[in-house]
């Protein structure tokens, strides 16, 4: 990361969403890892929830958070695999139907490149992805602790730091709702 010491860190409000039929607040280790990293980086943990692997429920929660001006970004964990219950990318597709949603294809591509170093070719089973929806970033990571660490430590920690050069997601935030 190329931190520019001349720039000021700007904390943002981040919500953490765990997508799972089996996790509870007591055993949501990947959600715990994300929440801890969000706060350790100096950002505000604006909200946290667990939602079942159901595209309608997930899209509903995401729409609520997108419409909340106190949330700048959502980082989800889970639901990005290939099984029938993995529906996080499909929930993001539902958001697209409402308009003003743009894919961030480089996020998933970079995540899989980084993940390849840890798990080899098994990374092809990941559908990690990201969008910016009506001015709110949404990053969908796999549900494993290792995937969450890789996604935060190697991508999001840098891109959600306003001091990161040559560019970062934070500096684009004032312009995300432009038409």
C-alpha atoms as a PDB file:
ATOM      1  CA  UNK A   1       0.000   0.000   0.000  1.00  0.00           C
ATOM      2  CA  UNK A   2       1.288   3.422  -0.870  1.00  0.00           C
ATOM      3  CA  UNK A   3       0.119   5.625   1.985  1.00  0.00           C
ATOM      4  CA  UNK A   4       0.480   9.327   1.341  1.00  0.00           C
ATOM      5  CA  UNK A   5       1.447  10.897   4.698  1.00  0.00           C
ATOM      6  CA  UNK A   6       0.202  14.273   3.426  1.00  0.00           C
ATOM      7  CA  UNK A   7      -3.356  12.960   3.219  1.00  0.00           C
ATOM      8  CA  UNK A   8      -5.800  12.660   6.108  1.00  0.00           C
ATOM      9  CA  UNK A   9      -7.437   9.337   6.963  1.00  0.00           C
ATOM     10  CA  UNK A  10     -11.215   9.552   6.478  1.00  0.00           C
ATOM     11  CA  UNK A  11     -13.118   6.888   8.397  1.00  0.00           C
ATOM     12  CA  UNK A  12     -16.219   5.558   6.693  1.00  0.00           C
ATOM     13  CA  UNK A  13     -19.279   3.697   7.985  1.00  0.00           C
ATOM     14  CA  UNK A  14     -19.160  -0.005   7.149  1.00  0.00           C
ATOM     15  CA  UNK A  15     -21.838  -2.650   7.703  1.00  0.00           C
ATOM     16  CA  UNK A  16     -20.900  -6.333   8.002  1.00  0.00           C
ATOM     17  CA  UNK A  17     -23.339  -8.922   6.711  1.00  0.00           C
ATOM     18  CA  UNK A  18     -22.972 -12.670   7.215  1.00  0.00           C
ATOM     19  CA  UNK A  19     -24.934 -14.807   4.759  1.00  0.00           C
ATOM     20  CA  UNK A  20     -25.625 -18.205   6.327  1.00  0.00           C
ATOM     21  CA  UNK A  21     -28.332 -20.676   7.268  1.00  0.00           C
ATOM     22  CA  UNK A  22     -26.251 -22.018  10.146  1.00  0.00           C
ATOM     23  CA  UNK A  23     -24.289 -19.170  11.757  1.00  0.00           C
ATOM     24  CA  UNK A  24     -25.426 -17.390  14.883  1.00  0.00           C
ATOM     25  CA  UNK A  25     -23.912 -14.379  16.654  1.00  0.00           C
ATOM     26  CA  UNK A  26     -22.122 -16.849  18.940  1.00  0.00           C
ATOM     27  CA  UNK A  27     -20.258 -18.670  16.165  1.00  0.00           C
ATOM     28  CA  UNK A  28     -20.013 -16.124  13.340  1.00  0.00           C
ATOM     29  CA  UNK A  29     -16.213 -16.194  13.180  1.00  0.00           C
ATOM     30  CA  UNK A  30     -15.877 -14.684   9.702  1.00  0.00           C
ATOM     31  CA  UNK A  31     -18.214 -11.833  10.662  1.00  0.00           C
ATOM     32  CA  UNK A  32     -16.182 -11.323  13.849  1.00  0.00           C
ATOM     33  CA  UNK A  33     -12.965 -11.109  11.828  1.00  0.00           C
ATOM     34  CA  UNK A  34     -14.452  -8.502   9.511  1.00  0.00           C
ATOM     35  CA  UNK A  35     -15.918  -6.435  12.350  1.00  0.00           C
ATOM     36  CA  UNK A  36     -12.590  -6.461  14.187  1.00  0.00           C
ATOM     37  CA  UNK A  37     -10.654  -5.424  11.085  1.00  0.00           C
ATOM     38  CA  UNK A  38     -13.125  -2.644  10.238  1.00  0.00           C
ATOM     39  CA  UNK A  39     -12.706  -1.121  13.693  1.00  0.00           C
ATOM     40  CA  UNK A  40      -8.934  -1.708  13.853  1.00  0.00           C
ATOM     41  CA  UNK A  41      -8.549   0.178  10.564  1.00  0.00           C
ATOM     42  CA  UNK A  42     -10.257   3.196  12.139  1.00  0.00           C
ATOM     43  CA  UNK A  43     -13.625   2.876  10.417  1.00  0.00           C
ATOM     44  CA  UNK A  44     -17.013   2.796  12.147  1.00  0.00           C
ATOM     45  CA  UNK A  45     -18.874  -0.512  12.324  1.00  0.00           C
ATOM     46  CA  UNK A  46     -22.237   0.967  11.340  1.00  0.00           C
ATOM     47  CA  UNK A  47     -24.302  -2.237  11.461  1.00  0.00           C
ATOM     48  CA  UNK A  48     -23.976  -5.988  11.595  1.00  0.00           C
ATOM     49  CA  UNK A  49     -26.443  -8.740  10.733  1.00  0.00           C
ATOM     50  CA  UNK A  50     -26.809 -12.386   9.787  1.00  0.00           C
ATOM     51  CA  UNK A  51     -29.222 -13.207   6.956  1.00  0.00           C
ATOM     52  CA  UNK A  52     -30.233 -16.656   5.708  1.00  0.00           C
ATOM     53  CA  UNK A  53     -29.130 -17.853   2.278  1.00  0.00           C
ATOM     54  CA  UNK A  54     -32.218 -16.451   0.585  1.00  0.00           C
ATOM     55  CA  UNK A  55     -31.792 -14.020  -2.324  1.00  0.00           C
ATOM     56  CA  UNK A  56     -34.990 -12.086  -1.517  1.00  0.00           C
ATOM     57  CA  UNK A  57     -34.118 -11.637   2.166  1.00  0.00           C
ATOM     58  CA  UNK A  58     -30.548 -10.724   1.300  1.00  0.00           C
ATOM     59  CA  UNK A  59     -31.577  -8.181  -1.355  1.00  0.00           C
ATOM     60  CA  UNK A  60     -34.056  -6.692   1.124  1.00  0.00           C
ATOM     61  CA  UNK A  61     -31.386  -6.227   3.806  1.00  0.00           C
ATOM     62  CA  UNK A  62     -28.974  -4.761   1.272  1.00  0.00           C
ATOM     63  CA  UNK A  63     -31.627  -2.341  -0.013  1.00  0.00           C
ATOM     64  CA  UNK A  64     -32.306  -1.200   3.557  1.00  0.00           C
ATOM     65  CA  UNK A  65     -28.622  -0.529   4.124  1.00  0.00           C
ATOM     66  CA  UNK A  66     -28.159   1.143   0.726  1.00  0.00           C
ATOM     67  CA  UNK A  67     -30.967   3.547   1.635  1.00  0.00           C
ATOM     68  CA  UNK A  68     -29.431   4.286   5.044  1.00  0.00           C
ATOM     69  CA  UNK A  69     -27.282   7.434   4.761  1.00  0.00           C
ATOM     70  CA  UNK A  70     -25.260   6.234   7.779  1.00  0.00           C
ATOM     71  CA  UNK A  71     -23.813   3.314   5.761  1.00  0.00           C
ATOM     72  CA  UNK A  72     -21.149   3.920   3.127  1.00  0.00           C
ATOM     73  CA  UNK A  73     -20.146   0.326   2.406  1.00  0.00           C
ATOM     74  CA  UNK A  74     -21.260  -3.230   3.104  1.00  0.00           C
ATOM     75  CA  UNK A  75     -18.870  -6.162   3.350  1.00  0.00           C
ATOM     76  CA  UNK A  76     -20.592  -9.526   3.253  1.00  0.00           C
ATOM     77  CA  UNK A  77     -19.213 -12.954   4.015  1.00  0.00           C
ATOM     78  CA  UNK A  78     -20.768 -16.140   2.680  1.00  0.00           C
ATOM     79  CA  UNK A  79     -23.053 -17.251  -0.121  1.00  0.00           C
ATOM     80  CA  UNK A  80     -20.534 -16.856  -2.954  1.00  0.00           C
ATOM     81  CA  UNK A  81     -19.926 -20.528  -3.727  1.00  0.00           C
ATOM     82  CA  UNK A  82     -21.451 -22.777  -6.360  1.00  0.00           C
ATOM     83  CA  UNK A  83     -24.111 -24.685  -4.426  1.00  0.00           C
ATOM     84  CA  UNK A  84     -27.828 -24.091  -4.716  1.00  0.00           C
ATOM     85  CA  UNK A  85     -27.885 -22.273  -1.362  1.00  0.00           C
ATOM     86  CA  UNK A  86     -25.131 -19.815  -2.370  1.00  0.00           C
ATOM     87  CA  UNK A  87     -27.148 -16.820  -3.578  1.00  0.00           C
ATOM     88  CA  UNK A  88     -25.184 -13.669  -2.730  1.00  0.00           C
ATOM     89  CA  UNK A  89     -24.315 -12.825  -6.375  1.00  0.00           C
ATOM     90  CA  UNK A  90     -27.959 -13.428  -7.318  1.00  0.00           C
ATOM     91  CA  UNK A  91     -29.079 -11.019  -4.586  1.00  0.00           C
ATOM     92  CA  UNK A  92     -26.721  -8.409  -6.030  1.00  0.00           C
ATOM     93  CA  UNK A  93     -28.285  -9.045  -9.450  1.00  0.00           C
ATOM     94  CA  UNK A  94     -31.688  -8.232  -7.922  1.00  0.00           C
ATOM     95  CA  UNK A  95     -30.324  -4.861  -6.857  1.00  0.00           C
ATOM     96  CA  UNK A  96     -29.397  -4.178 -10.477  1.00  0.00           C
ATOM     97  CA  UNK A  97     -33.052  -4.376 -11.461  1.00  0.00           C
ATOM     98  CA  UNK A  98     -33.635  -1.207  -9.427  1.00  0.00           C
ATOM     99  CA  UNK A  99     -31.069   0.687 -11.467  1.00  0.00           C
ATOM    100  CA  UNK A 100     -28.027   2.800 -10.607  1.00  0.00           C
ATOM    101  CA  UNK A 101     -25.887  -0.265  -9.850  1.00  0.00           C
ATOM    102  CA  UNK A 102     -22.459  -0.842 -11.349  1.00  0.00           C
ATOM    103  CA  UNK A 103     -20.321  -3.950 -11.188  1.00  0.00           C
ATOM    104  CA  UNK A 104     -16.758  -3.676  -9.915  1.00  0.00           C
ATOM    105  CA  UNK A 105     -15.356  -6.653 -11.863  1.00  0.00           C
ATOM    106  CA  UNK A 106     -11.758  -6.077 -10.804  1.00  0.00           C
ATOM    107  CA  UNK A 107     -12.660  -6.875  -7.192  1.00  0.00           C
ATOM    108  CA  UNK A 108     -13.582 -10.503  -7.893  1.00  0.00           C
ATOM    109  CA  UNK A 109     -10.704 -10.926 -10.314  1.00  0.00           C
ATOM    110  CA  UNK A 110      -8.173  -9.594  -7.813  1.00  0.00           C
ATOM    111  CA  UNK A 111      -9.695 -11.615  -4.967  1.00  0.00           C
ATOM    112  CA  UNK A 112      -9.312 -14.857  -6.932  1.00  0.00           C
ATOM    113  CA  UNK A 113      -5.724 -13.983  -7.855  1.00  0.00           C
ATOM    114  CA  UNK A 114      -4.887 -13.406  -4.176  1.00  0.00           C
ATOM    115  CA  UNK A 115      -6.847 -16.486  -3.085  1.00  0.00           C
ATOM    116  CA  UNK A 116      -4.933 -18.635  -5.567  1.00  0.00           C
ATOM    117  CA  UNK A 117      -1.801 -18.134  -3.451  1.00  0.00           C
ATOM    118  CA  UNK A 118      -3.609 -19.684  -0.458  1.00  0.00           C
ATOM    119  CA  UNK A 119      -5.881 -22.351  -1.918  1.00  0.00           C
ATOM    120  CA  UNK A 120      -4.637 -22.916  -5.459  1.00  0.00           C
ATOM    121  CA  UNK A 121      -7.100 -23.772  -8.177  1.00  0.00           C
ATOM    122  CA  UNK A 122      -9.930 -24.166  -5.666  1.00  0.00           C
ATOM    123  CA  UNK A 123     -10.344 -20.396  -6.010  1.00  0.00           C
ATOM    124  CA  UNK A 124     -12.285 -20.967  -9.250  1.00  0.00           C
ATOM    125  CA  UNK A 125     -15.206 -22.030  -7.039  1.00  0.00           C
ATOM    126  CA  UNK A 126     -15.478 -18.504  -5.610  1.00  0.00           C
ATOM    127  CA  UNK A 127     -17.941 -16.010  -6.998  1.00  0.00           C
ATOM    128  CA  UNK A 128     -16.601 -13.134  -4.887  1.00  0.00           C
ATOM    129  CA  UNK A 129     -17.877  -9.924  -6.430  1.00  0.00           C
ATOM    130  CA  UNK A 130     -18.609  -6.271  -5.780  1.00  0.00           C
ATOM    131  CA  UNK A 131     -20.949  -3.515  -6.909  1.00  0.00           C
ATOM    132  CA  UNK A 132     -21.631   0.088  -6.163  1.00  0.00           C
ATOM    133  CA  UNK A 133     -25.384   0.412  -5.677  1.00  0.00           C
ATOM    134  CA  UNK A 134     -26.998   3.852  -5.516  1.00  0.00           C
ATOM    135  CA  UNK A 135     -23.826   5.261  -3.976  1.00  0.00           C
ATOM    136  CA  UNK A 136     -23.055   2.417  -1.540  1.00  0.00           C
ATOM    137  CA  UNK A 137     -20.228  -0.058  -2.047  1.00  0.00           C
ATOM    138  CA  UNK A 138     -21.067  -3.752  -1.568  1.00  0.00           C
ATOM    139  CA  UNK A 139     -18.242  -6.287  -1.404  1.00  0.00           C
ATOM    140  CA  UNK A 140     -19.180  -9.992  -1.317  1.00  0.00           C
ATOM    141  CA  UNK A 141     -16.517 -12.293   0.112  1.00  0.00           C
ATOM    142  CA  UNK A 142     -16.646 -16.063   0.633  1.00  0.00           C
ATOM    143  CA  UNK A 143     -17.560 -17.316   4.091  1.00  0.00           C
ATOM    144  CA  UNK A 144     -14.279 -18.847   5.204  1.00  0.00           C
ATOM    145  CA  UNK A 145     -12.076 -17.085   7.713  1.00  0.00           C
ATOM    146  CA  UNK A 146      -9.132 -17.270   5.324  1.00  0.00           C
ATOM    147  CA  UNK A 147     -11.113 -15.691   2.492  1.00  0.00           C
ATOM    148  CA  UNK A 148     -12.298 -12.872   4.738  1.00  0.00           C
ATOM    149  CA  UNK A 149      -8.749 -12.179   5.877  1.00  0.00           C
ATOM    150  CA  UNK A 150      -7.436 -12.223   2.295  1.00  0.00           C
ATOM    151  CA  UNK A 151     -10.212  -9.945   1.033  1.00  0.00           C
ATOM    152  CA  UNK A 152      -9.819  -7.404   3.818  1.00  0.00           C
ATOM    153  CA  UNK A 153      -6.045  -7.493   4.272  1.00  0.00           C
ATOM    154  CA  UNK A 154      -5.067  -7.500   0.594  1.00  0.00           C
ATOM    155  CA  UNK A 155      -7.832  -5.428  -1.041  1.00  0.00           C
ATOM    156  CA  UNK A 156     -10.286  -3.619   1.203  1.00  0.00           C
ATOM    157  CA  UNK A 157      -7.850  -2.311   3.813  1.00  0.00           C
ATOM    158  CA  UNK A 158      -6.073  -0.414   1.051  1.00  0.00           C
ATOM    159  CA  UNK A 159      -9.002   0.610  -1.108  1.00  0.00           C
ATOM    160  CA  UNK A 160     -11.048   1.844   1.875  1.00  0.00           C
ATOM    161  CA  UNK A 161      -8.145   3.960   3.128  1.00  0.00           C
ATOM    162  CA  UNK A 162      -8.419   7.534   1.842  1.00  0.00           C
ATOM    163  CA  UNK A 163      -4.634   7.895   2.006  1.00  0.00           C
ATOM    164  CA  UNK A 164      -3.959   5.041  -0.436  1.00  0.00           C
ATOM    165  CA  UNK A 165      -2.327   6.195  -3.665  1.00  0.00           C
ATOM    166  CA  UNK A 166      -2.622   6.398  -6.567  1.00  0.00           C
ATOM    167  CA  UNK A 167      -6.360   6.008  -5.941  1.00  0.00           C
ATOM    168  CA  UNK A 168      -8.929   4.492  -3.578  1.00  0.00           C
ATOM    169  CA  UNK A 169     -12.664   3.905  -3.237  1.00  0.00           C
ATOM    170  CA  UNK A 170     -13.114   6.549  -0.536  1.00  0.00           C
ATOM    171  CA  UNK A 171     -12.114   9.476  -2.731  1.00  0.00           C
ATOM    172  CA  UNK A 172     -14.793   8.459  -5.250  1.00  0.00           C
ATOM    173  CA  UNK A 173     -17.612   8.422  -2.685  1.00  0.00           C
ATOM    174  CA  UNK A 174     -18.754  12.050  -3.173  1.00  0.00           C
ATOM    175  CA  UNK A 175     -19.238  11.332  -6.886  1.00  0.00           C
ATOM    176  CA  UNK A 176     -20.898   7.896  -6.763  1.00  0.00           C
ATOM    177  CA  UNK A 177     -24.439   9.236  -7.152  1.00  0.00           C
ATOM    178  CA  UNK A 178     -23.618  11.363 -10.220  1.00  0.00           C
ATOM    179  CA  UNK A 179     -25.670  10.830 -13.338  1.00  0.00           C
END
